[in-house]
Amino acid sequence: MLTCYRTRRRLGAYLDEALDQETAHSTATHLATCEGCRREAAELRRLHGLLRRTLNPAQPDWTGFWQGVVRGIEDQRVARPAPPARRWWQPAWRPRWALGSALAAALLVTLGVWQWTPSGPVPSQAGVMVTSARTDDPRGTVMVYSTPEQDVAVVWVFGLDQD
């Protein structure tokens, strides 16, 4: 099965005598033993002969070719005016440099704003501030709940009542 697949892929080159000697010999050996591949080769030979008999390509007409090329070049020279000369005070517009510079500036501004903004809530805007502290007793923890204005402070001591 695999040999038939490889042989059928090589049939066109085999019929055109474009294969190396070893490949051509193995293809011919397979064609001698396989009826399906031999039928495929016969159909390709018939198609090749039919195409040779029916197709008669016309020879190209090259008269006037170079004159047309020269005329086209001359027409392009006349039709396209020369670009105006740039003065020393006129900067050359370079879109790639402008785009790259704009992106770099935007990145720097973004990083700067991100770096210098406060990371936590401002104390005057926070609802309740919670702090904790350790006690001398390893079992105890002190939690202090207070408002930013220091109006009320609630102190909780955890863990000291366990004996």
N, C-alpha and C. Protein backbone atom coordinates (compact mmCIF):
# COMPACT_ATOMS: atom_id res chain seq x y z
N MET A 1 0.81 -1.19 0.00
CA MET A 1 0.00 0.00 0.00
C MET A 1 0.86 1.26 0.00
N LEU A 2 1.87 1.31 0.90
CA LEU A 2 2.76 2.46 0.96
C LEU A 2 3.60 2.56 -0.31
N THR A 3 3.99 1.42 -0.86
CA THR A 3 4.76 1.42 -2.10
C THR A 3 3.93 1.99 -3.24
N CYS A 4 2.66 1.66 -3.30
CA CYS A 4 1.77 2.21 -4.34
C CYS A 4 1.67 3.72 -4.19
N TYR A 5 1.55 4.20 -2.96
CA TYR A 5 1.43 5.64 -2.72
C TYR A 5 2.68 6.36 -3.22
N ARG A 6 3.85 5.85 -2.85
CA ARG A 6 5.10 6.49 -3.30
C ARG A 6 5.24 6.41 -4.82
N THR A 7 4.89 5.28 -5.40
CA THR A 7 5.03 5.11 -6.85
C THR A 7 4.11 6.07 -7.59
N ARG A 8 2.87 6.21 -7.15
CA ARG A 8 1.94 7.10 -7.83
C ARG A 8 2.37 8.56 -7.71
N ARG A 9 3.03 8.91 -6.63
CA ARG A 9 3.55 10.28 -6.51
C ARG A 9 4.70 10.52 -7.48
N ARG A 10 5.41 9.47 -7.87
CA ARG A 10 6.57 9.60 -8.76
C ARG A 10 6.23 9.37 -10.24
N LEU A 11 5.00 8.98 -10.54
CA LEU A 11 4.67 8.58 -11.92
C LEU A 11 4.94 9.69 -12.95
N GLY A 12 4.57 10.92 -12.64
CA GLY A 12 4.78 12.00 -13.59
C GLY A 12 6.24 12.19 -13.92
N ALA A 13 7.09 12.20 -12.88
CA ALA A 13 8.53 12.35 -13.10
C ALA A 13 9.10 11.11 -13.81
N TYR A 14 8.55 9.94 -13.51
CA TYR A 14 9.01 8.72 -14.16
C TYR A 14 8.72 8.76 -15.65
N LEU A 15 7.51 9.18 -16.02
CA LEU A 15 7.14 9.24 -17.43
C LEU A 15 7.89 10.33 -18.17
N ASP A 16 8.29 11.39 -17.46
CA ASP A 16 9.10 12.45 -18.08
C ASP A 16 10.59 12.12 -18.05
N GLU A 17 10.94 10.96 -17.50
CA GLU A 17 12.33 10.51 -17.36
C GLU A 17 13.15 11.52 -16.56
N ALA A 18 12.56 12.00 -15.44
CA ALA A 18 13.22 12.99 -14.61
C ALA A 18 13.70 12.41 -13.28
N LEU A 19 13.59 11.07 -13.11
CA LEU A 19 14.03 10.45 -11.86
C LEU A 19 15.46 9.97 -11.97
N ASP A 20 16.13 9.89 -10.80
CA ASP A 20 17.48 9.30 -10.82
C ASP A 20 17.35 7.80 -11.11
N GLN A 21 18.47 7.17 -11.43
CA GLN A 21 18.46 5.79 -11.90
C GLN A 21 17.87 4.82 -10.89
N GLU A 22 18.24 4.96 -9.64
CA GLU A 22 17.77 4.04 -8.61
C GLU A 22 16.26 4.16 -8.40
N THR A 23 15.76 5.39 -8.32
CA THR A 23 14.33 5.60 -8.13
C THR A 23 13.54 5.15 -9.35
N ALA A 24 14.07 5.42 -10.54
CA ALA A 24 13.40 4.98 -11.77
C ALA A 24 13.34 3.46 -11.83
N HIS A 25 14.40 2.79 -11.41
CA HIS A 25 14.42 1.32 -11.43
C HIS A 25 13.38 0.76 -10.44
N SER A 26 13.31 1.33 -9.21
CA SER A 26 12.34 0.81 -8.24
C SER A 26 10.91 1.09 -8.70
N THR A 27 10.69 2.22 -9.36
CA THR A 27 9.36 2.53 -9.88
C THR A 27 8.98 1.56 -10.99
N ALA A 28 9.92 1.27 -11.91
CA ALA A 28 9.65 0.33 -13.00
C ALA A 28 9.39 -1.07 -12.45
N THR A 29 10.11 -1.47 -11.42
CA THR A 29 9.91 -2.78 -10.81
C THR A 29 8.51 -2.87 -10.20
N HIS A 30 8.09 -1.82 -9.53
CA HIS A 30 6.77 -1.83 -8.93
C HIS A 30 5.68 -1.85 -10.00
N LEU A 31 5.88 -1.07 -11.08
CA LEU A 31 4.88 -1.03 -12.16
C LEU A 31 4.72 -2.40 -12.82
N ALA A 32 5.80 -3.18 -12.85
CA ALA A 32 5.74 -4.51 -13.45
C ALA A 32 4.89 -5.47 -12.62
N THR A 33 4.76 -5.21 -11.31
CA THR A 33 4.03 -6.14 -10.45
C THR A 33 2.67 -5.64 -10.00
N CYS A 34 2.37 -4.35 -10.13
CA CYS A 34 1.13 -3.79 -9.58
C CYS A 34 0.21 -3.33 -10.71
N GLU A 35 -0.94 -3.95 -10.81
CA GLU A 35 -1.90 -3.64 -11.88
C GLU A 35 -2.49 -2.24 -11.72
N GLY A 36 -2.80 -1.81 -10.49
CA GLY A 36 -3.41 -0.50 -10.26
C GLY A 36 -2.47 0.64 -10.65
N CYS A 37 -1.21 0.54 -10.26
CA CYS A 37 -0.23 1.58 -10.61
C CYS A 37 0.05 1.57 -12.11
N ARG A 38 0.06 0.39 -12.74
CA ARG A 38 0.28 0.29 -14.18
C ARG A 38 -0.86 0.97 -14.93
N ARG A 39 -2.10 0.79 -14.46
CA ARG A 39 -3.26 1.45 -15.06
C ARG A 39 -3.14 2.97 -14.93
N GLU A 40 -2.71 3.43 -13.74
CA GLU A 40 -2.52 4.88 -13.50
C GLU A 40 -1.47 5.45 -14.46
N ALA A 41 -0.38 4.71 -14.66
CA ALA A 41 0.68 5.17 -15.57
C ALA A 41 0.16 5.22 -17.01
N ALA A 42 -0.66 4.24 -17.40
CA ALA A 42 -1.21 4.23 -18.76
C ALA A 42 -2.13 5.43 -18.97
N GLU A 43 -2.93 5.77 -17.97
CA GLU A 43 -3.82 6.93 -18.08
C GLU A 43 -3.01 8.23 -18.19
N LEU A 44 -1.93 8.32 -17.43
CA LEU A 44 -1.08 9.52 -17.52
C LEU A 44 -0.40 9.62 -18.89
N ARG A 45 0.04 8.49 -19.43
CA ARG A 45 0.64 8.51 -20.77
C ARG A 45 -0.38 8.97 -21.81
N ARG A 46 -1.62 8.43 -21.70
CA ARG A 46 -2.68 8.82 -22.63
C ARG A 46 -2.98 10.31 -22.53
N LEU A 47 -3.08 10.83 -21.32
CA LEU A 47 -3.34 12.25 -21.10
C LEU A 47 -2.20 13.10 -21.65
N HIS A 48 -0.99 12.67 -21.44
CA HIS A 48 0.18 13.41 -21.95
C HIS A 48 0.16 13.48 -23.47
N GLY A 49 -0.13 12.35 -24.12
CA GLY A 49 -0.21 12.34 -25.59
C GLY A 49 -1.35 13.21 -26.10
N LEU A 50 -2.49 13.15 -25.43
CA LEU A 50 -3.63 13.97 -25.83
C LEU A 50 -3.31 15.46 -25.73
N LEU A 51 -2.65 15.85 -24.66
CA LEU A 51 -2.27 17.26 -24.50
C LEU A 51 -1.27 17.70 -25.57
N ARG A 52 -0.32 16.85 -25.90
CA ARG A 52 0.66 17.22 -26.94
C ARG A 52 0.00 17.39 -28.30
N ARG A 53 -1.00 16.57 -28.59
CA ARG A 53 -1.65 16.65 -29.89
C ARG A 53 -2.59 17.86 -29.99
N THR A 54 -3.26 18.19 -28.90
CA THR A 54 -4.28 19.24 -28.98
C THR A 54 -3.76 20.63 -28.67
N LEU A 55 -2.79 20.73 -27.81
CA LEU A 55 -2.29 22.06 -27.46
C LEU A 55 -1.15 22.46 -28.38
N ASN A 56 -1.28 23.63 -28.94
CA ASN A 56 -0.25 24.16 -29.81
C ASN A 56 0.02 25.60 -29.37
N PRO A 57 0.92 25.81 -28.42
CA PRO A 57 1.11 27.16 -27.91
C PRO A 57 1.68 28.08 -28.99
N ALA A 58 1.16 29.28 -29.03
CA ALA A 58 1.63 30.27 -30.00
C ALA A 58 2.94 30.86 -29.51
N GLN A 59 3.79 31.19 -30.47
CA GLN A 59 5.06 31.82 -30.13
C GLN A 59 4.81 33.28 -29.78
N PRO A 60 5.45 33.79 -28.74
CA PRO A 60 5.22 35.18 -28.34
C PRO A 60 5.77 36.16 -29.38
N ASP A 61 5.12 37.29 -29.47
CA ASP A 61 5.55 38.34 -30.39
C ASP A 61 6.30 39.39 -29.58
N TRP A 62 7.61 39.48 -29.80
CA TRP A 62 8.45 40.39 -29.03
C TRP A 62 8.71 41.71 -29.76
N THR A 63 8.13 41.89 -30.91
CA THR A 63 8.38 43.15 -31.63
C THR A 63 7.75 44.30 -30.85
N GLY A 64 8.49 45.31 -30.67
CA GLY A 64 8.02 46.49 -29.96
C GLY A 64 8.12 46.40 -28.45
N PHE A 65 8.70 45.31 -27.95
CA PHE A 65 8.77 45.15 -26.49
C PHE A 65 9.67 46.21 -25.87
N TRP A 66 10.91 46.32 -26.37
CA TRP A 66 11.85 47.25 -25.76
C TRP A 66 11.43 48.70 -25.96
N GLN A 67 10.82 48.99 -27.11
CA GLN A 67 10.33 50.35 -27.32
C GLN A 67 9.26 50.70 -26.29
N GLY A 68 8.40 49.72 -25.95
CA GLY A 68 7.39 49.95 -24.93
C GLY A 68 7.99 50.15 -23.55
N VAL A 69 9.05 49.41 -23.22
CA VAL A 69 9.71 49.57 -21.93
C VAL A 69 10.31 50.97 -21.83
N VAL A 70 11.01 51.40 -22.88
CA VAL A 70 11.64 52.73 -22.87
C VAL A 70 10.57 53.81 -22.79
N ARG A 71 9.49 53.67 -23.52
CA ARG A 71 8.40 54.65 -23.50
C ARG A 71 7.79 54.74 -22.10
N GLY A 72 7.60 53.59 -21.44
CA GLY A 72 7.05 53.58 -20.08
C GLY A 72 7.95 54.29 -19.08
N ILE A 73 9.25 54.09 -19.22
CA ILE A 73 10.19 54.77 -18.32
C ILE A 73 10.17 56.26 -18.55
N GLU A 74 10.16 56.67 -19.81
CA GLU A 74 10.13 58.11 -20.11
C GLU A 74 8.83 58.74 -19.64
N ASP A 75 7.70 58.05 -19.78
CA ASP A 75 6.43 58.58 -19.31
C ASP A 75 6.43 58.77 -17.79
N GLN A 76 7.06 57.85 -17.07
CA GLN A 76 7.14 57.97 -15.61
C GLN A 76 7.99 59.17 -15.20
N ARG A 77 9.06 59.43 -15.94
CA ARG A 77 9.91 60.58 -15.61
C ARG A 77 9.16 61.89 -15.79
N VAL A 78 8.36 61.98 -16.85
CA VAL A 78 7.63 63.21 -17.14
C VAL A 78 6.47 63.38 -16.16
N ALA A 79 5.78 62.30 -15.82
CA ALA A 79 4.58 62.39 -15.00
C ALA A 79 4.87 62.68 -13.53
N ARG A 80 6.02 62.29 -13.03
CA ARG A 80 6.31 62.45 -11.61
C ARG A 80 7.26 63.62 -11.39
N PRO A 81 6.78 64.69 -10.72
CA PRO A 81 7.68 65.81 -10.46
C PRO A 81 8.67 65.44 -9.35
N ALA A 82 9.79 66.11 -9.36
CA ALA A 82 10.81 65.86 -8.34
C ALA A 82 10.34 66.43 -7.01
N PRO A 83 10.64 65.78 -5.90
CA PRO A 83 10.23 66.32 -4.61
C PRO A 83 10.98 67.62 -4.31
N PRO A 84 10.32 68.55 -3.61
CA PRO A 84 10.99 69.82 -3.31
C PRO A 84 12.17 69.59 -2.37
N ALA A 85 13.18 70.42 -2.52
CA ALA A 85 14.36 70.30 -1.68
C ALA A 85 14.02 70.71 -0.25
N ARG A 86 14.57 70.02 0.70
CA ARG A 86 14.31 70.32 2.10
C ARG A 86 15.31 71.37 2.57
N ARG A 87 14.81 72.35 3.28
CA ARG A 87 15.66 73.41 3.82
C ARG A 87 16.29 72.92 5.12
N TRP A 88 17.35 73.55 5.57
CA TRP A 88 18.04 73.13 6.77
C TRP A 88 17.21 73.31 8.02
N TRP A 89 16.25 74.21 8.02
CA TRP A 89 15.42 74.43 9.20
C TRP A 89 14.19 73.54 9.23
N GLN A 90 13.93 72.83 8.15
CA GLN A 90 12.78 71.94 8.09
C GLN A 90 13.21 70.53 8.51
N PRO A 91 12.68 70.05 9.62
CA PRO A 91 13.07 68.70 10.05
C PRO A 91 12.46 67.64 9.13
N ALA A 92 13.19 66.57 8.98
CA ALA A 92 12.68 65.45 8.17
C ALA A 92 11.65 64.70 9.00
N TRP A 93 10.48 64.47 8.47
CA TRP A 93 9.41 63.76 9.18
C TRP A 93 9.70 62.28 9.14
N ARG A 94 9.86 61.71 10.29
CA ARG A 94 10.11 60.28 10.38
C ARG A 94 9.03 59.67 11.26
N PRO A 95 8.01 59.06 10.65
CA PRO A 95 6.89 58.54 11.43
C PRO A 95 7.29 57.47 12.44
N ARG A 96 8.25 56.63 12.11
CA ARG A 96 8.65 55.57 13.05
C ARG A 96 9.25 56.17 14.31
N TRP A 97 10.12 57.18 14.12
CA TRP A 97 10.73 57.82 15.29
C TRP A 97 9.67 58.54 16.12
N ALA A 98 8.72 59.18 15.46
CA ALA A 98 7.68 59.91 16.19
C ALA A 98 6.81 58.95 16.99
N LEU A 99 6.42 57.85 16.38
CA LEU A 99 5.59 56.87 17.07
C LEU A 99 6.34 56.23 18.23
N GLY A 100 7.58 55.87 18.01
CA GLY A 100 8.38 55.27 19.08
C GLY A 100 8.60 56.23 20.24
N SER A 101 8.85 57.50 19.93
CA SER A 101 9.04 58.49 20.98
C SER A 101 7.76 58.70 21.77
N ALA A 102 6.62 58.75 21.09
CA ALA A 102 5.35 58.93 21.77
C ALA A 102 5.05 57.75 22.69
N LEU A 103 5.32 56.53 22.24
CA LEU A 103 5.08 55.36 23.08
C LEU A 103 6.01 55.35 24.29
N ALA A 104 7.27 55.73 24.10
CA ALA A 104 8.22 55.77 25.22
C ALA A 104 7.80 56.83 26.24
N ALA A 105 7.36 57.99 25.77
CA ALA A 105 6.92 59.05 26.68
C ALA A 105 5.68 58.61 27.46
N ALA A 106 4.73 57.96 26.79
CA ALA A 106 3.53 57.48 27.49
C ALA A 106 3.89 56.44 28.54
N LEU A 107 4.84 55.57 28.24
CA LEU A 107 5.28 54.57 29.21
C LEU A 107 5.92 55.22 30.42
N LEU A 108 6.78 56.22 30.19
CA LEU A 108 7.43 56.90 31.30
C LEU A 108 6.43 57.64 32.17
N VAL A 109 5.46 58.30 31.57
CA VAL A 109 4.44 59.01 32.34
C VAL A 109 3.63 58.02 33.16
N THR A 110 3.24 56.91 32.56
CA THR A 110 2.46 55.90 33.28
C THR A 110 3.24 55.34 34.46
N LEU A 111 4.51 55.02 34.24
CA LEU A 111 5.33 54.50 35.34
C LEU A 111 5.51 55.54 36.44
N GLY A 112 5.70 56.80 36.05
CA GLY A 112 5.86 57.86 37.04
C GLY A 112 4.61 58.05 37.88
N VAL A 113 3.46 58.09 37.26
CA VAL A 113 2.21 58.26 37.99
C VAL A 113 1.97 57.06 38.90
N TRP A 114 2.23 55.88 38.40
CA TRP A 114 2.02 54.67 39.19
C TRP A 114 2.97 54.62 40.38
N GLN A 115 4.22 55.07 40.20
CA GLN A 115 5.22 55.00 41.25
C GLN A 115 4.94 55.99 42.37
N TRP A 116 4.43 57.17 42.06
CA TRP A 116 4.28 58.21 43.07
C TRP A 116 2.87 58.34 43.64
N THR A 117 1.97 57.47 43.25
CA THR A 117 0.65 57.51 43.87
C THR A 117 0.68 56.69 45.15
N PRO A 118 -0.05 57.13 46.19
CA PRO A 118 -0.06 56.36 47.44
C PRO A 118 -0.72 55.00 47.20
N SER A 119 -0.17 54.00 47.86
CA SER A 119 -0.65 52.64 47.62
C SER A 119 -1.84 52.26 48.49
N GLY A 120 -2.00 52.88 49.62
CA GLY A 120 -3.09 52.53 50.51
C GLY A 120 -4.09 53.66 50.62
N PRO A 121 -5.14 53.45 51.41
CA PRO A 121 -6.11 54.53 51.55
C PRO A 121 -5.53 55.67 52.39
N VAL A 122 -5.91 56.87 52.05
CA VAL A 122 -5.49 58.04 52.80
C VAL A 122 -6.20 57.98 54.15
N PRO A 123 -5.50 58.24 55.26
CA PRO A 123 -6.12 58.07 56.58
C PRO A 123 -7.41 58.84 56.74
N SER A 124 -7.55 60.02 56.16
CA SER A 124 -8.78 60.78 56.35
C SER A 124 -9.95 60.15 55.59
N GLN A 125 -9.68 59.29 54.61
CA GLN A 125 -10.74 58.67 53.84
C GLN A 125 -11.08 57.27 54.36
N ALA A 126 -10.22 56.71 55.22
CA ALA A 126 -10.45 55.36 55.71
C ALA A 126 -11.59 55.36 56.71
N GLY A 127 -12.40 54.32 56.73
CA GLY A 127 -13.51 54.22 57.67
C GLY A 127 -13.04 53.89 59.07
N VAL A 128 -12.33 52.79 59.23
CA VAL A 128 -11.83 52.34 60.52
C VAL A 128 -10.42 51.83 60.31
N MET A 129 -9.50 52.27 61.19
CA MET A 129 -8.13 51.79 61.11
C MET A 129 -7.97 50.68 62.14
N VAL A 130 -7.33 49.59 61.73
CA VAL A 130 -7.13 48.44 62.62
C VAL A 130 -5.63 48.25 62.78
N THR A 131 -5.19 48.19 64.04
CA THR A 131 -3.78 47.92 64.31
C THR A 131 -3.72 46.82 65.34
N SER A 132 -2.63 46.10 65.35
CA SER A 132 -2.47 45.04 66.35
C SER A 132 -1.09 45.19 66.98
N ALA A 133 -0.98 44.67 68.19
CA ALA A 133 0.30 44.72 68.90
C ALA A 133 0.44 43.46 69.72
N ARG A 134 1.66 43.09 69.99
CA ARG A 134 1.92 41.92 70.82
C ARG A 134 1.99 42.35 72.29
N THR A 135 1.69 41.43 73.12
CA THR A 135 1.82 41.67 74.57
C THR A 135 3.02 40.92 75.10
N ASP A 136 3.33 41.15 76.34
CA ASP A 136 4.44 40.41 76.96
C ASP A 136 4.12 38.92 77.07
N ASP A 137 2.84 38.64 77.19
CA ASP A 137 2.39 37.25 77.28
C ASP A 137 2.32 36.68 75.87
N PRO A 138 3.00 35.56 75.56
CA PRO A 138 2.99 35.01 74.20
C PRO A 138 1.61 34.55 73.74
N ARG A 139 0.68 34.37 74.66
CA ARG A 139 -0.66 33.93 74.29
C ARG A 139 -1.57 35.11 73.95
N GLY A 140 -1.18 36.31 74.21
CA GLY A 140 -2.08 37.45 74.08
C GLY A 140 -1.78 38.33 72.88
N THR A 141 -2.83 38.96 72.31
CA THR A 141 -2.73 39.89 71.21
C THR A 141 -3.65 41.06 71.51
N VAL A 142 -3.21 42.27 71.21
CA VAL A 142 -4.03 43.46 71.41
C VAL A 142 -4.45 43.98 70.05
N MET A 143 -5.74 44.22 69.83
CA MET A 143 -6.27 44.78 68.59
C MET A 143 -6.88 46.12 68.93
N VAL A 144 -6.55 47.15 68.16
CA VAL A 144 -7.08 48.49 68.40
C VAL A 144 -7.85 48.92 67.16
N TYR A 145 -9.12 49.24 67.34
CA TYR A 145 -9.97 49.72 66.26
C TYR A 145 -10.22 51.20 66.54
N SER A 146 -9.91 52.07 65.58
CA SER A 146 -10.12 53.50 65.79
C SER A 146 -10.51 54.18 64.49
N THR A 147 -11.09 55.37 64.62
CA THR A 147 -11.45 56.17 63.45
C THR A 147 -10.30 57.11 63.15
N PRO A 148 -10.22 57.66 61.95
CA PRO A 148 -9.13 58.56 61.62
C PRO A 148 -9.11 59.82 62.48
N GLU A 149 -10.25 60.25 62.91
CA GLU A 149 -10.30 61.48 63.72
C GLU A 149 -9.95 61.20 65.17
N GLN A 150 -9.74 59.92 65.53
CA GLN A 150 -9.42 59.50 66.89
C GLN A 150 -10.56 59.80 67.87
N ASP A 151 -11.81 59.84 67.37
CA ASP A 151 -12.95 60.07 68.25
C ASP A 151 -13.18 58.88 69.17
N VAL A 152 -13.10 57.67 68.59
CA VAL A 152 -13.40 56.46 69.35
C VAL A 152 -12.29 55.46 69.09
N ALA A 153 -11.84 54.79 70.13
CA ALA A 153 -10.86 53.72 69.99
C ALA A 153 -11.35 52.54 70.81
N VAL A 154 -11.40 51.36 70.21
CA VAL A 154 -11.82 50.14 70.88
C VAL A 154 -10.61 49.25 70.97
N VAL A 155 -10.30 48.79 72.18
CA VAL A 155 -9.13 47.94 72.40
C VAL A 155 -9.63 46.57 72.83
N TRP A 156 -9.15 45.55 72.15
CA TRP A 156 -9.50 44.16 72.49
C TRP A 156 -8.20 43.43 72.82
N VAL A 157 -8.25 42.68 73.84
CA VAL A 157 -7.11 41.86 74.23
C VAL A 157 -7.55 40.40 74.13
N PHE A 158 -6.83 39.63 73.33
CA PHE A 158 -7.21 38.23 73.09
C PHE A 158 -6.15 37.29 73.69
N GLY A 159 -6.63 36.20 74.23
CA GLY A 159 -5.74 35.11 74.62
C GLY A 159 -5.23 35.14 76.03
N LEU A 160 -5.45 36.19 76.79
CA LEU A 160 -4.90 36.24 78.14
C LEU A 160 -5.77 35.52 79.14
N ASP A 161 -7.03 35.30 78.84
CA ASP A 161 -7.94 34.67 79.79
C ASP A 161 -7.87 33.15 79.77
N GLN A 162 -7.06 32.58 78.94
CA GLN A 162 -6.98 31.12 78.85
C GLN A 162 -5.94 30.63 79.85
N ASP A 163 -6.38 29.81 80.76
CA ASP A 163 -5.43 29.26 81.74
C ASP A 163 -5.41 27.76 81.68
